[in-house]
């Protein structure tokens, strides 16, 4: 599993403490023989300086439960809106 993220300025509103990040998940079935299926996901997102976590979880991803044969790759992109408070407030 590989993850990358980038700040999404167009969907963010810093004065309202709303910051959106676009993330891409790339899942590779590196098994030489087994077919796999992604049935669900769970992410815990924690902002630096905060003890609170945002949890994203559910069945499949983007409404799908992909089946990957050996060597196949599944990739998707989504957005996570986060409420960020300045450190010390």
N, C-alpha and C. Protein backbone atom coordinates (compact mmCIF):
# COMPACT_ATOMS: atom_id res chain seq x y z
N UNK A 1 0.86 -1.17 0.00
CA UNK A 1 0.00 0.00 0.00
C UNK A 1 0.90 1.23 0.00
N UNK A 2 0.63 2.15 -0.93
CA UNK A 2 1.34 3.42 -0.99
C UNK A 2 0.34 4.55 -0.85
N UNK A 3 0.71 5.58 -0.10
CA UNK A 3 -0.18 6.72 0.13
C UNK A 3 0.57 8.01 -0.17
N UNK A 4 -0.11 8.92 -0.85
CA UNK A 4 0.43 10.26 -1.03
C UNK A 4 -0.70 11.25 -0.79
N UNK A 5 -0.34 12.44 -0.34
CA UNK A 5 -1.36 13.46 -0.09
C UNK A 5 -0.85 14.82 -0.51
N UNK A 6 -1.81 15.70 -0.79
CA UNK A 6 -1.49 17.07 -1.18
C UNK A 6 -2.58 17.99 -0.65
N UNK A 7 -2.19 19.18 -0.24
CA UNK A 7 -3.14 20.17 0.27
C UNK A 7 -4.02 20.65 -0.88
N UNK A 8 -5.34 20.70 -0.67
CA UNK A 8 -6.28 21.13 -1.69
C UNK A 8 -6.75 22.54 -1.35
N UNK A 9 -6.05 23.52 -1.87
CA UNK A 9 -6.31 24.93 -1.55
C UNK A 9 -7.71 25.37 -1.99
N UNK A 10 -8.19 24.86 -3.13
CA UNK A 10 -9.47 25.28 -3.68
C UNK A 10 -10.65 24.91 -2.77
N UNK A 11 -10.56 23.80 -2.05
CA UNK A 11 -11.65 23.36 -1.20
C UNK A 11 -11.43 23.72 0.28
N UNK A 12 -10.34 24.40 0.57
CA UNK A 12 -10.03 24.78 1.95
C UNK A 12 -10.52 26.19 2.25
N UNK A 13 -10.76 26.45 3.53
CA UNK A 13 -11.19 27.77 4.00
C UNK A 13 -10.46 28.04 5.33
N UNK A 14 -9.20 28.49 5.26
CA UNK A 14 -8.39 28.67 6.47
C UNK A 14 -9.04 29.53 7.55
N UNK A 15 -9.71 30.65 7.22
CA UNK A 15 -10.34 31.42 8.30
C UNK A 15 -11.40 30.63 9.07
N UNK A 16 -12.01 29.65 8.43
CA UNK A 16 -13.00 28.80 9.08
C UNK A 16 -12.37 27.52 9.65
N UNK A 17 -11.03 27.47 9.61
CA UNK A 17 -10.25 26.32 10.11
C UNK A 17 -10.59 25.03 9.36
N UNK A 18 -10.98 25.16 8.11
CA UNK A 18 -11.27 24.00 7.27
C UNK A 18 -10.12 23.84 6.28
N UNK A 19 -9.49 22.68 6.32
CA UNK A 19 -8.38 22.39 5.43
C UNK A 19 -8.64 21.04 4.77
N UNK A 20 -8.62 21.03 3.45
CA UNK A 20 -8.88 19.79 2.71
C UNK A 20 -7.58 19.26 2.13
N UNK A 21 -7.43 17.96 2.24
CA UNK A 21 -6.28 17.28 1.67
C UNK A 21 -6.77 16.22 0.71
N UNK A 22 -6.16 16.18 -0.45
CA UNK A 22 -6.47 15.14 -1.43
C UNK A 22 -5.44 14.03 -1.23
N UNK A 23 -5.92 12.80 -1.12
CA UNK A 23 -4.99 11.70 -0.93
C UNK A 23 -5.23 10.62 -1.99
N UNK A 24 -4.15 9.96 -2.34
CA UNK A 24 -4.21 8.88 -3.32
C UNK A 24 -3.68 7.62 -2.65
N UNK A 25 -4.44 6.54 -2.78
CA UNK A 25 -4.07 5.24 -2.24
C UNK A 25 -3.80 4.31 -3.41
N UNK A 26 -2.67 3.65 -3.37
CA UNK A 26 -2.31 2.68 -4.41
C UNK A 26 -2.07 1.33 -3.72
N UNK A 27 -2.87 0.33 -4.10
CA UNK A 27 -2.77 -1.00 -3.51
C UNK A 27 -2.29 -1.96 -4.59
N UNK A 28 -1.21 -2.66 -4.30
CA UNK A 28 -0.64 -3.62 -5.23
C UNK A 28 -0.72 -5.01 -4.63
N UNK A 29 -1.24 -5.96 -5.37
CA UNK A 29 -1.23 -7.35 -4.93
C UNK A 29 0.13 -7.94 -5.31
N UNK A 30 1.01 -8.03 -4.33
CA UNK A 30 2.36 -8.51 -4.60
C UNK A 30 2.49 -10.02 -4.41
N UNK A 31 1.38 -10.70 -4.18
CA UNK A 31 1.42 -12.17 -4.07
C UNK A 31 1.66 -12.78 -5.45
N UNK A 32 2.53 -13.77 -5.53
CA UNK A 32 2.76 -14.41 -6.82
C UNK A 32 1.63 -15.37 -7.22
N UNK A 33 0.76 -15.74 -6.26
CA UNK A 33 -0.26 -16.76 -6.57
C UNK A 33 -1.68 -16.43 -6.11
N UNK A 34 -1.84 -15.58 -5.10
CA UNK A 34 -3.16 -15.37 -4.51
C UNK A 34 -3.89 -14.16 -5.08
N UNK A 35 -5.18 -14.32 -5.32
CA UNK A 35 -6.06 -13.22 -5.68
C UNK A 35 -6.63 -12.66 -4.37
N UNK A 36 -6.71 -11.33 -4.28
CA UNK A 36 -7.20 -10.69 -3.06
C UNK A 36 -8.39 -9.78 -3.38
N UNK A 37 -9.16 -9.45 -2.35
CA UNK A 37 -10.26 -8.51 -2.51
C UNK A 37 -10.24 -7.52 -1.36
N UNK A 38 -10.39 -6.26 -1.70
CA UNK A 38 -10.47 -5.21 -0.68
C UNK A 38 -11.92 -5.10 -0.23
N UNK A 39 -12.17 -5.43 1.02
CA UNK A 39 -13.54 -5.43 1.54
C UNK A 39 -13.88 -4.18 2.34
N UNK A 40 -12.87 -3.51 2.89
CA UNK A 40 -13.13 -2.33 3.70
C UNK A 40 -11.85 -1.56 3.96
N UNK A 41 -12.03 -0.40 4.58
CA UNK A 41 -10.86 0.41 4.92
C UNK A 41 -11.12 1.16 6.21
N UNK A 42 -10.03 1.51 6.88
CA UNK A 42 -10.07 2.32 8.09
C UNK A 42 -8.80 3.16 8.15
N UNK A 43 -8.97 4.48 8.22
CA UNK A 43 -7.87 5.40 8.36
C UNK A 43 -8.07 6.19 9.65
N UNK A 44 -7.00 6.43 10.35
CA UNK A 44 -7.02 7.33 11.49
C UNK A 44 -6.11 8.49 11.14
N UNK A 45 -6.68 9.69 11.13
CA UNK A 45 -5.94 10.89 10.74
C UNK A 45 -5.79 11.76 11.98
N UNK A 46 -4.54 12.03 12.35
CA UNK A 46 -4.29 12.85 13.54
C UNK A 46 -3.45 14.05 13.14
N UNK A 47 -3.90 15.22 13.53
CA UNK A 47 -3.20 16.45 13.22
C UNK A 47 -2.09 16.67 14.24
N UNK A 48 -0.95 17.14 13.78
CA UNK A 48 0.18 17.43 14.66
C UNK A 48 -0.27 18.39 15.75
N UNK A 49 0.06 18.09 17.00
CA UNK A 49 -0.29 18.94 18.12
C UNK A 49 -1.68 18.68 18.69
N UNK A 50 -2.39 17.70 18.16
CA UNK A 50 -3.74 17.40 18.64
C UNK A 50 -3.80 15.95 19.11
N UNK A 51 -4.62 15.72 20.12
CA UNK A 51 -4.81 14.34 20.58
C UNK A 51 -6.03 13.70 19.94
N UNK A 52 -6.81 14.50 19.19
CA UNK A 52 -8.01 13.99 18.55
C UNK A 52 -7.68 13.37 17.20
N UNK A 53 -8.45 12.34 16.83
CA UNK A 53 -8.26 11.66 15.55
C UNK A 53 -9.56 11.70 14.76
N UNK A 54 -9.44 11.92 13.47
CA UNK A 54 -10.56 11.75 12.55
C UNK A 54 -10.47 10.33 12.02
N UNK A 55 -11.58 9.60 12.06
CA UNK A 55 -11.60 8.21 11.61
C UNK A 55 -12.45 8.11 10.36
N UNK A 56 -11.88 7.53 9.32
CA UNK A 56 -12.58 7.25 8.08
C UNK A 56 -12.63 5.74 7.94
N UNK A 57 -13.83 5.18 7.89
CA UNK A 57 -13.92 3.73 7.74
C UNK A 57 -15.21 3.36 7.04
N UNK A 58 -15.23 2.16 6.50
CA UNK A 58 -16.43 1.67 5.84
C UNK A 58 -16.13 0.50 4.93
N UNK A 59 -17.18 0.04 4.27
CA UNK A 59 -17.03 -1.07 3.35
C UNK A 59 -16.40 -0.58 2.06
N UNK A 60 -15.52 -1.39 1.50
CA UNK A 60 -14.91 -1.06 0.21
C UNK A 60 -14.27 0.31 0.19
N UNK A 61 -14.05 0.80 -1.02
CA UNK A 61 -13.55 2.15 -1.22
C UNK A 61 -14.27 2.74 -2.42
N UNK A 62 -14.66 3.98 -2.32
CA UNK A 62 -15.39 4.68 -3.37
C UNK A 62 -16.51 3.82 -3.98
N UNK A 63 -17.20 3.08 -3.09
CA UNK A 63 -18.32 2.26 -3.54
C UNK A 63 -17.94 0.97 -4.23
N UNK A 64 -16.69 0.60 -4.16
CA UNK A 64 -16.22 -0.61 -4.85
C UNK A 64 -15.49 -1.54 -3.89
N UNK A 65 -15.47 -2.81 -4.22
CA UNK A 65 -14.68 -3.82 -3.50
C UNK A 65 -13.83 -4.55 -4.53
N UNK A 66 -12.74 -3.91 -4.95
CA UNK A 66 -11.95 -4.45 -6.06
C UNK A 66 -11.30 -5.81 -5.76
N UNK A 67 -11.25 -6.63 -6.79
CA UNK A 67 -10.55 -7.92 -6.75
C UNK A 67 -9.28 -7.76 -7.56
N UNK A 68 -8.15 -8.12 -6.92
CA UNK A 68 -6.84 -7.97 -7.58
C UNK A 68 -6.17 -9.31 -7.75
N UNK A 69 -5.88 -9.65 -8.99
CA UNK A 69 -5.10 -10.85 -9.27
C UNK A 69 -3.63 -10.55 -8.98
N UNK A 70 -2.79 -11.59 -8.90
CA UNK A 70 -1.37 -11.34 -8.63
C UNK A 70 -0.79 -10.29 -9.58
N UNK A 71 -0.12 -9.31 -8.99
CA UNK A 71 0.53 -8.26 -9.78
C UNK A 71 -0.36 -7.09 -10.15
N UNK A 72 -1.68 -7.19 -9.94
CA UNK A 72 -2.57 -6.10 -10.31
C UNK A 72 -2.53 -4.97 -9.29
N UNK A 73 -2.90 -3.78 -9.74
CA UNK A 73 -2.86 -2.57 -8.92
C UNK A 73 -4.23 -1.91 -8.94
N UNK A 74 -4.66 -1.40 -7.79
CA UNK A 74 -5.88 -0.60 -7.69
C UNK A 74 -5.48 0.72 -7.07
N UNK A 75 -5.92 1.82 -7.68
CA UNK A 75 -5.57 3.15 -7.18
C UNK A 75 -6.81 4.03 -7.17
N UNK A 76 -6.96 4.83 -6.12
CA UNK A 76 -8.06 5.78 -6.08
C UNK A 76 -7.64 7.04 -5.35
N UNK A 77 -8.38 8.11 -5.61
CA UNK A 77 -8.11 9.40 -5.00
C UNK A 77 -9.38 9.90 -4.33
N UNK A 78 -9.22 10.49 -3.15
CA UNK A 78 -10.35 11.04 -2.41
C UNK A 78 -9.88 12.28 -1.65
N UNK A 79 -10.80 12.90 -0.93
CA UNK A 79 -10.49 14.12 -0.18
C UNK A 79 -10.87 13.95 1.28
N UNK A 80 -10.04 14.48 2.16
CA UNK A 80 -10.33 14.45 3.60
C UNK A 80 -10.36 15.89 4.10
N UNK A 81 -11.55 16.37 4.53
CA UNK A 81 -11.61 17.70 5.15
C UNK A 81 -11.26 17.60 6.63
N UNK A 82 -10.37 18.46 7.09
CA UNK A 82 -9.94 18.45 8.48
C UNK A 82 -10.17 19.81 9.11
N UNK A 83 -10.59 19.81 10.35
CA UNK A 83 -10.70 21.05 11.11
C UNK A 83 -9.42 21.18 11.92
N UNK A 84 -8.65 22.19 11.62
CA UNK A 84 -7.33 22.35 12.25
C UNK A 84 -7.33 23.61 13.10
N UNK A 85 -6.95 23.45 14.37
CA UNK A 85 -6.79 24.60 15.25
C UNK A 85 -5.30 24.88 15.40
N UNK A 86 -4.92 26.13 15.47
CA UNK A 86 -3.50 26.44 15.70
C UNK A 86 -3.01 25.82 16.99
N UNK A 87 -1.76 25.42 17.02
CA UNK A 87 -1.16 24.82 18.21
C UNK A 87 -1.22 25.84 19.36
N UNK A 88 -1.64 25.36 20.54
CA UNK A 88 -1.69 26.22 21.71
C UNK A 88 -3.04 26.86 21.96
N UNK A 89 -4.07 26.54 21.13
CA UNK A 89 -5.40 27.14 21.37
C UNK A 89 -6.37 26.08 21.81
